[in-house]
Amino acid sequence: MLGAYVPSRDATLEKTERKKRWIEDFHTALDATKSSVPVLLLGDLNVLEPDHQPEHRRQFAPFEYDFYRALTDRHGLIDAFRHLHPDRIEHSRARRSDLGYRYDHAHSCAQLLPLLQGCDYVHQTRDVLADGSRLTDHSGLAVRLATTATTPLLTSDPATTAPCEPEPTLF
């Protein structure tokens, strides 16, 4: 599993160039993982799918939409949410209840798609807490895969394990 936070940008040349460099470095790093491990990429990609609803009032630059498309075209990753919910309109960030955007994404390699059981947004992370604050202005993203352990996980109580014979533990 890979996590990414893609930098945002504004109209300044500095932030635009920073984001372009980050994207190129990201592609290079992701290219290096292609044959070694199955990939599930999750993160705030700071871009919308090209046909996002509602349309974003500020259009993204072509290089940003190219980044989103390259996840599939170059890296073979599929938008897990869209794969399971082809027509659902859902937003991971909303300034108002009627104005939201899906900036947070999960993209899966084809090898993991048969194991994909769920990909849903957890909106409670945006709720206002008792003290008036919020945990975040983004929804969480829960991805469920049907997996089976190939080897048993050893667990032990560190209080009862002899100090000279350490055993793998979860605590």
C-alpha atoms as a PDB file:
ATOM      1  CA  MET A   1       0.000   0.000   0.000  1.00  0.00           C
ATOM      2  CA  LEU A   2       1.257   3.439  -0.919  1.00  0.00           C
ATOM      3  CA  GLY A   3       0.126   6.744   0.498  1.00  0.00           C
ATOM      4  CA  ALA A   4       0.501  10.084  -1.224  1.00  0.00           C
ATOM      5  CA  TYR A   5      -0.281  13.685  -0.557  1.00  0.00           C
ATOM      6  CA  VAL A   6       0.093  15.556  -3.819  1.00  0.00           C
ATOM      7  CA  PRO A   7       0.956  19.206  -3.292  1.00  0.00           C
ATOM      8  CA  SER A   8      -1.717  21.718  -4.114  1.00  0.00           C
ATOM      9  CA  ARG A   9      -0.970  24.700  -6.278  1.00  0.00           C
ATOM     10  CA  ASP A  10      -2.198  28.196  -6.900  1.00  0.00           C
ATOM     11  CA  ALA A  11      -1.652  30.597  -9.782  1.00  0.00           C
ATOM     12  CA  THR A  12       1.998  31.214  -8.883  1.00  0.00           C
ATOM     13  CA  LEU A  13       4.722  29.824 -11.104  1.00  0.00           C
ATOM     14  CA  GLU A  14       6.624  28.562  -8.055  1.00  0.00           C
ATOM     15  CA  LYS A  15       3.800  26.308  -6.800  1.00  0.00           C
ATOM     16  CA  THR A  16       2.952  25.151 -10.318  1.00  0.00           C
ATOM     17  CA  GLU A  17       6.556  24.119 -10.977  1.00  0.00           C
ATOM     18  CA  ARG A  18       6.792  22.459  -7.550  1.00  0.00           C
ATOM     19  CA  LYS A  19       3.731  20.348  -8.321  1.00  0.00           C
ATOM     20  CA  LYS A  20       5.028  19.426 -11.783  1.00  0.00           C
ATOM     21  CA  ARG A  21       8.352  18.274 -10.286  1.00  0.00           C
ATOM     22  CA  TRP A  22       6.570  16.310  -7.579  1.00  0.00           C
ATOM     23  CA  ILE A  23       4.401  14.545 -10.157  1.00  0.00           C
ATOM     24  CA  GLU A  24       7.395  13.573 -12.304  1.00  0.00           C
ATOM     25  CA  ASP A  25       9.261  12.250  -9.249  1.00  0.00           C
ATOM     26  CA  PHE A  26       6.146  10.334  -8.215  1.00  0.00           C
ATOM     27  CA  HIS A  27       5.842   8.712 -11.653  1.00  0.00           C
ATOM     28  CA  THR A  28       9.501   7.687 -11.513  1.00  0.00           C
ATOM     29  CA  ALA A  29       9.088   6.147  -8.049  1.00  0.00           C
ATOM     30  CA  LEU A  30       5.877   4.345  -9.026  1.00  0.00           C
ATOM     31  CA  ASP A  31       7.487   3.016 -12.213  1.00  0.00           C
ATOM     32  CA  ALA A  32      10.136   1.396 -10.006  1.00  0.00           C
ATOM     33  CA  THR A  33       7.486  -0.617  -8.093  1.00  0.00           C
ATOM     34  CA  LYS A  34       5.641  -2.019 -11.124  1.00  0.00           C
ATOM     35  CA  SER A  35       6.969  -5.538 -11.224  1.00  0.00           C
ATOM     36  CA  SER A  36       7.841  -6.002  -7.581  1.00  0.00           C
ATOM     37  CA  VAL A  37       4.611  -5.669  -5.580  1.00  0.00           C
ATOM     38  CA  PRO A  38       0.857  -5.253  -6.020  1.00  0.00           C
ATOM     39  CA  VAL A  39      -0.032  -1.575  -5.615  1.00  0.00           C
ATOM     40  CA  LEU A  40      -2.879   0.073  -3.766  1.00  0.00           C
ATOM     41  CA  LEU A  41      -2.420   3.846  -3.806  1.00  0.00           C
ATOM     42  CA  LEU A  42      -4.416   5.993  -1.393  1.00  0.00           C
ATOM     43  CA  GLY A  43      -4.224   9.686  -0.778  1.00  0.00           C
ATOM     44  CA  ASP A  44      -5.223  13.264  -1.265  1.00  0.00           C
ATOM     45  CA  LEU A  45      -4.227  13.645  -4.902  1.00  0.00           C
ATOM     46  CA  ASN A  46      -5.349  17.286  -5.106  1.00  0.00           C
ATOM     47  CA  VAL A  47      -6.981  16.663  -8.450  1.00  0.00           C
ATOM     48  CA  LEU A  48     -10.428  15.618  -9.553  1.00  0.00           C
ATOM     49  CA  GLU A  49     -11.338  12.968 -12.042  1.00  0.00           C
ATOM     50  CA  PRO A  50     -11.729  14.780 -15.386  1.00  0.00           C
ATOM     51  CA  ASP A  51     -15.540  14.421 -15.524  1.00  0.00           C
ATOM     52  CA  HIS A  52     -16.116  15.204 -11.833  1.00  0.00           C
ATOM     53  CA  GLN A  53     -19.593  16.300 -10.761  1.00  0.00           C
ATOM     54  CA  PRO A  54     -20.171  19.069  -9.963  1.00  0.00           C
ATOM     55  CA  GLU A  55     -17.733  20.701 -12.303  1.00  0.00           C
ATOM     56  CA  HIS A  56     -15.022  22.473 -10.379  1.00  0.00           C
ATOM     57  CA  ARG A  57     -15.321  26.244 -10.718  1.00  0.00           C
ATOM     58  CA  ARG A  58     -11.530  26.473 -11.015  1.00  0.00           C
ATOM     59  CA  GLN A  59     -10.389  24.153 -13.737  1.00  0.00           C
ATOM     60  CA  PHE A  60      -7.309  22.099 -13.115  1.00  0.00           C
ATOM     61  CA  ALA A  61      -4.365  22.518 -15.448  1.00  0.00           C
ATOM     62  CA  PRO A  62      -3.915  19.937 -18.217  1.00  0.00           C
ATOM     63  CA  PHE A  63      -0.823  18.502 -16.461  1.00  0.00           C
ATOM     64  CA  GLU A  64      -2.955  17.801 -13.360  1.00  0.00           C
ATOM     65  CA  TYR A  65      -5.609  15.916 -15.327  1.00  0.00           C
ATOM     66  CA  ASP A  66      -2.770  14.126 -17.166  1.00  0.00           C
ATOM     67  CA  PHE A  67      -1.455  12.991 -13.773  1.00  0.00           C
ATOM     68  CA  TYR A  68      -4.847  11.518 -12.877  1.00  0.00           C
ATOM     69  CA  ARG A  69      -5.154   9.761 -16.261  1.00  0.00           C
ATOM     70  CA  ALA A  70      -1.559   8.462 -16.055  1.00  0.00           C
ATOM     71  CA  LEU A  71      -2.420   6.508 -12.933  1.00  0.00           C
ATOM     72  CA  THR A  72      -4.373   4.223 -15.276  1.00  0.00           C
ATOM     73  CA  ASP A  73      -2.678   4.781 -18.638  1.00  0.00           C
ATOM     74  CA  ARG A  74       0.924   4.628 -17.424  1.00  0.00           C
ATOM     75  CA  HIS A  75       0.729   2.684 -14.182  1.00  0.00           C
ATOM     76  CA  GLY A  76      -2.255   0.398 -14.774  1.00  0.00           C
ATOM     77  CA  LEU A  77      -4.057   1.535 -11.628  1.00  0.00           C
ATOM     78  CA  ILE A  78      -7.843   1.687 -11.506  1.00  0.00           C
ATOM     79  CA  ASP A  79      -9.888   4.151  -9.444  1.00  0.00           C
ATOM     80  CA  ALA A  80     -11.255   1.700  -6.833  1.00  0.00           C
ATOM     81  CA  PHE A  81     -14.189   3.895  -5.816  1.00  0.00           C
ATOM     82  CA  ARG A  82     -15.266   4.449  -9.419  1.00  0.00           C
ATOM     83  CA  HIS A  83     -14.763   0.726 -10.176  1.00  0.00           C
ATOM     84  CA  LEU A  84     -17.283  -0.204  -7.475  1.00  0.00           C
ATOM     85  CA  HIS A  85     -19.547   2.830  -7.833  1.00  0.00           C
ATOM     86  CA  PRO A  86     -19.546   3.875 -11.523  1.00  0.00           C
ATOM     87  CA  ASP A  87     -22.302   6.476 -11.155  1.00  0.00           C
ATOM     88  CA  ARG A  88     -22.201   7.518  -7.510  1.00  0.00           C
ATOM     89  CA  ILE A  89     -21.509  11.171  -6.771  1.00  0.00           C
ATOM     90  CA  GLU A  90     -19.574  11.443  -3.545  1.00  0.00           C
ATOM     91  CA  HIS A  91     -17.301  14.130  -2.169  1.00  0.00           C
ATOM     92  CA  SER A  92     -14.331  13.788   0.140  1.00  0.00           C
ATOM     93  CA  ARG A  93     -14.039  17.513   0.803  1.00  0.00           C
ATOM     94  CA  ALA A  94     -16.901  19.956   1.054  1.00  0.00           C
ATOM     95  CA  ARG A  95     -17.006  23.619   1.899  1.00  0.00           C
ATOM     96  CA  ARG A  96     -20.790  23.500   1.929  1.00  0.00           C
ATOM     97  CA  SER A  97     -23.199  20.596   1.821  1.00  0.00           C
ATOM     98  CA  ASP A  98     -24.052  21.412  -1.810  1.00  0.00           C
ATOM     99  CA  LEU A  99     -20.486  22.045  -2.985  1.00  0.00           C
ATOM    100  CA  GLY A 100     -18.012  19.213  -2.644  1.00  0.00           C
ATOM    101  CA  TYR A 101     -15.190  17.571  -4.507  1.00  0.00           C
ATOM    102  CA  ARG A 102     -13.573  14.139  -4.618  1.00  0.00           C
ATOM    103  CA  TYR A 103      -9.893  14.940  -4.008  1.00  0.00           C
ATOM    104  CA  ASP A 104      -9.142  11.770  -2.036  1.00  0.00           C
ATOM    105  CA  HIS A 105      -8.672   8.615  -4.063  1.00  0.00           C
ATOM    106  CA  ALA A 106      -7.768   4.936  -3.945  1.00  0.00           C
ATOM    107  CA  HIS A 107      -6.262   3.386  -7.071  1.00  0.00           C
ATOM    108  CA  SER A 108      -5.640  -0.336  -7.304  1.00  0.00           C
ATOM    109  CA  CYS A 109      -3.602  -2.548  -9.587  1.00  0.00           C
ATOM    110  CA  ALA A 110      -5.588  -5.109 -11.598  1.00  0.00           C
ATOM    111  CA  GLN A 111      -4.214  -7.928  -9.444  1.00  0.00           C
ATOM    112  CA  LEU A 112      -6.033  -6.576  -6.356  1.00  0.00           C
ATOM    113  CA  LEU A 113      -9.369  -5.733  -8.036  1.00  0.00           C
ATOM    114  CA  PRO A 114     -10.836  -9.241  -7.520  1.00  0.00           C
ATOM    115  CA  LEU A 115     -10.155  -8.814  -3.788  1.00  0.00           C
ATOM    116  CA  LEU A 116     -11.818  -5.391  -3.599  1.00  0.00           C
ATOM    117  CA  GLN A 117     -14.903  -5.625  -1.382  1.00  0.00           C
ATOM    118  CA  GLY A 118     -15.479  -1.979  -0.618  1.00  0.00           C
ATOM    119  CA  CYS A 119     -14.249   1.541  -1.183  1.00  0.00           C
ATOM    120  CA  ASP A 120     -16.296   4.132   0.643  1.00  0.00           C
ATOM    121  CA  TYR A 121     -15.901   7.576   2.145  1.00  0.00           C
ATOM    122  CA  VAL A 122     -16.202   8.026   5.905  1.00  0.00           C
ATOM    123  CA  HIS A 123     -17.716  11.476   6.276  1.00  0.00           C
ATOM    124  CA  GLN A 124     -17.731  11.555  10.085  1.00  0.00           C
ATOM    125  CA  THR A 125     -14.105  12.725  10.035  1.00  0.00           C
ATOM    126  CA  ARG A 126     -15.430  16.105   8.803  1.00  0.00           C
ATOM    127  CA  ASP A 127     -17.982  16.442  11.608  1.00  0.00           C
ATOM    128  CA  VAL A 128     -17.708  19.348  14.022  1.00  0.00           C
ATOM    129  CA  LEU A 129     -16.574  18.156  17.458  1.00  0.00           C
ATOM    130  CA  ALA A 130     -18.000  19.283  20.805  1.00  0.00           C
ATOM    131  CA  ASP A 131     -15.328  21.971  21.145  1.00  0.00           C
ATOM    132  CA  GLY A 132     -16.199  23.415  17.727  1.00  0.00           C
ATOM    133  CA  SER A 133     -13.119  21.988  16.009  1.00  0.00           C
ATOM    134  CA  ARG A 134     -12.871  19.301  13.358  1.00  0.00           C
ATOM    135  CA  LEU A 135     -10.539  16.388  12.940  1.00  0.00           C
ATOM    136  CA  THR A 136     -10.120  17.336   9.267  1.00  0.00           C
ATOM    137  CA  ASP A 137     -11.922  18.976   6.363  1.00  0.00           C
ATOM    138  CA  HIS A 138     -11.593  15.742   4.334  1.00  0.00           C
ATOM    139  CA  SER A 139     -13.557  12.527   4.609  1.00  0.00           C
ATOM    140  CA  GLY A 140     -11.699   9.340   5.370  1.00  0.00           C
ATOM    141  CA  LEU A 141     -11.502   6.653   2.716  1.00  0.00           C
ATOM    142  CA  ALA A 142     -12.066   3.034   3.730  1.00  0.00           C
ATOM    143  CA  VAL A 143     -10.888   0.322   1.346  1.00  0.00           C
ATOM    144  CA  ARG A 144     -11.773  -3.298   2.109  1.00  0.00           C
ATOM    145  CA  LEU A 145      -9.908  -6.195   0.513  1.00  0.00           C
ATOM    146  CA  ALA A 146     -10.695  -9.899   0.957  1.00  0.00           C
ATOM    147  CA  THR A 147      -7.331 -11.300   1.931  1.00  0.00           C
ATOM    148  CA  THR A 148      -6.152 -14.528   3.494  1.00  0.00           C
ATOM    149  CA  ALA A 149      -3.009 -14.781   5.563  1.00  0.00           C
ATOM    150  CA  THR A 150      -0.423 -17.061   3.972  1.00  0.00           C
ATOM    151  CA  THR A 151       1.467 -17.668   7.223  1.00  0.00           C
ATOM    152  CA  PRO A 152       0.229 -17.533  10.808  1.00  0.00           C
ATOM    153  CA  LEU A 153       1.040 -14.406  12.757  1.00  0.00           C
ATOM    154  CA  LEU A 154       2.842 -15.247  15.967  1.00  0.00           C
ATOM    155  CA  THR A 155       1.671 -13.304  18.988  1.00  0.00           C
ATOM    156  CA  SER A 156       2.858 -13.483  22.559  1.00  0.00           C
ATOM    157  CA  ASP A 157       2.624 -11.697  25.857  1.00  0.00           C
ATOM    158  CA  PRO A 158       5.929  -9.855  26.413  1.00  0.00           C
ATOM    159  CA  ALA A 159       5.451 -10.231  30.168  1.00  0.00           C
ATOM    160  CA  THR A 160       5.685 -14.039  29.896  1.00  0.00           C
ATOM    161  CA  THR A 161       8.325 -14.353  27.150  1.00  0.00           C
ATOM    162  CA  ALA A 162      11.783 -15.193  28.455  1.00  0.00           C
ATOM    163  CA  PRO A 163      14.171 -12.256  27.866  1.00  0.00           C
ATOM    164  CA  CYS A 164      16.743 -14.485  26.161  1.00  0.00           C
ATOM    165  CA  GLU A 165      14.201 -15.908  23.741  1.00  0.00           C
ATOM    166  CA  PRO A 166      12.446 -12.971  22.071  1.00  0.00           C
ATOM    167  CA  GLU A 167       9.402 -13.854  20.026  1.00  0.00           C
ATOM    168  CA  PRO A 168       7.605 -11.701  17.458  1.00  0.00           C
ATOM    169  CA  THR A 169       4.756  -9.852  19.092  1.00  0.00           C
ATOM    170  CA  LEU A 170       1.986  -7.418  18.308  1.00  0.00           C
ATOM    171  CA  PHE A 171       2.523  -5.372  21.433  1.00  0.00           C
END
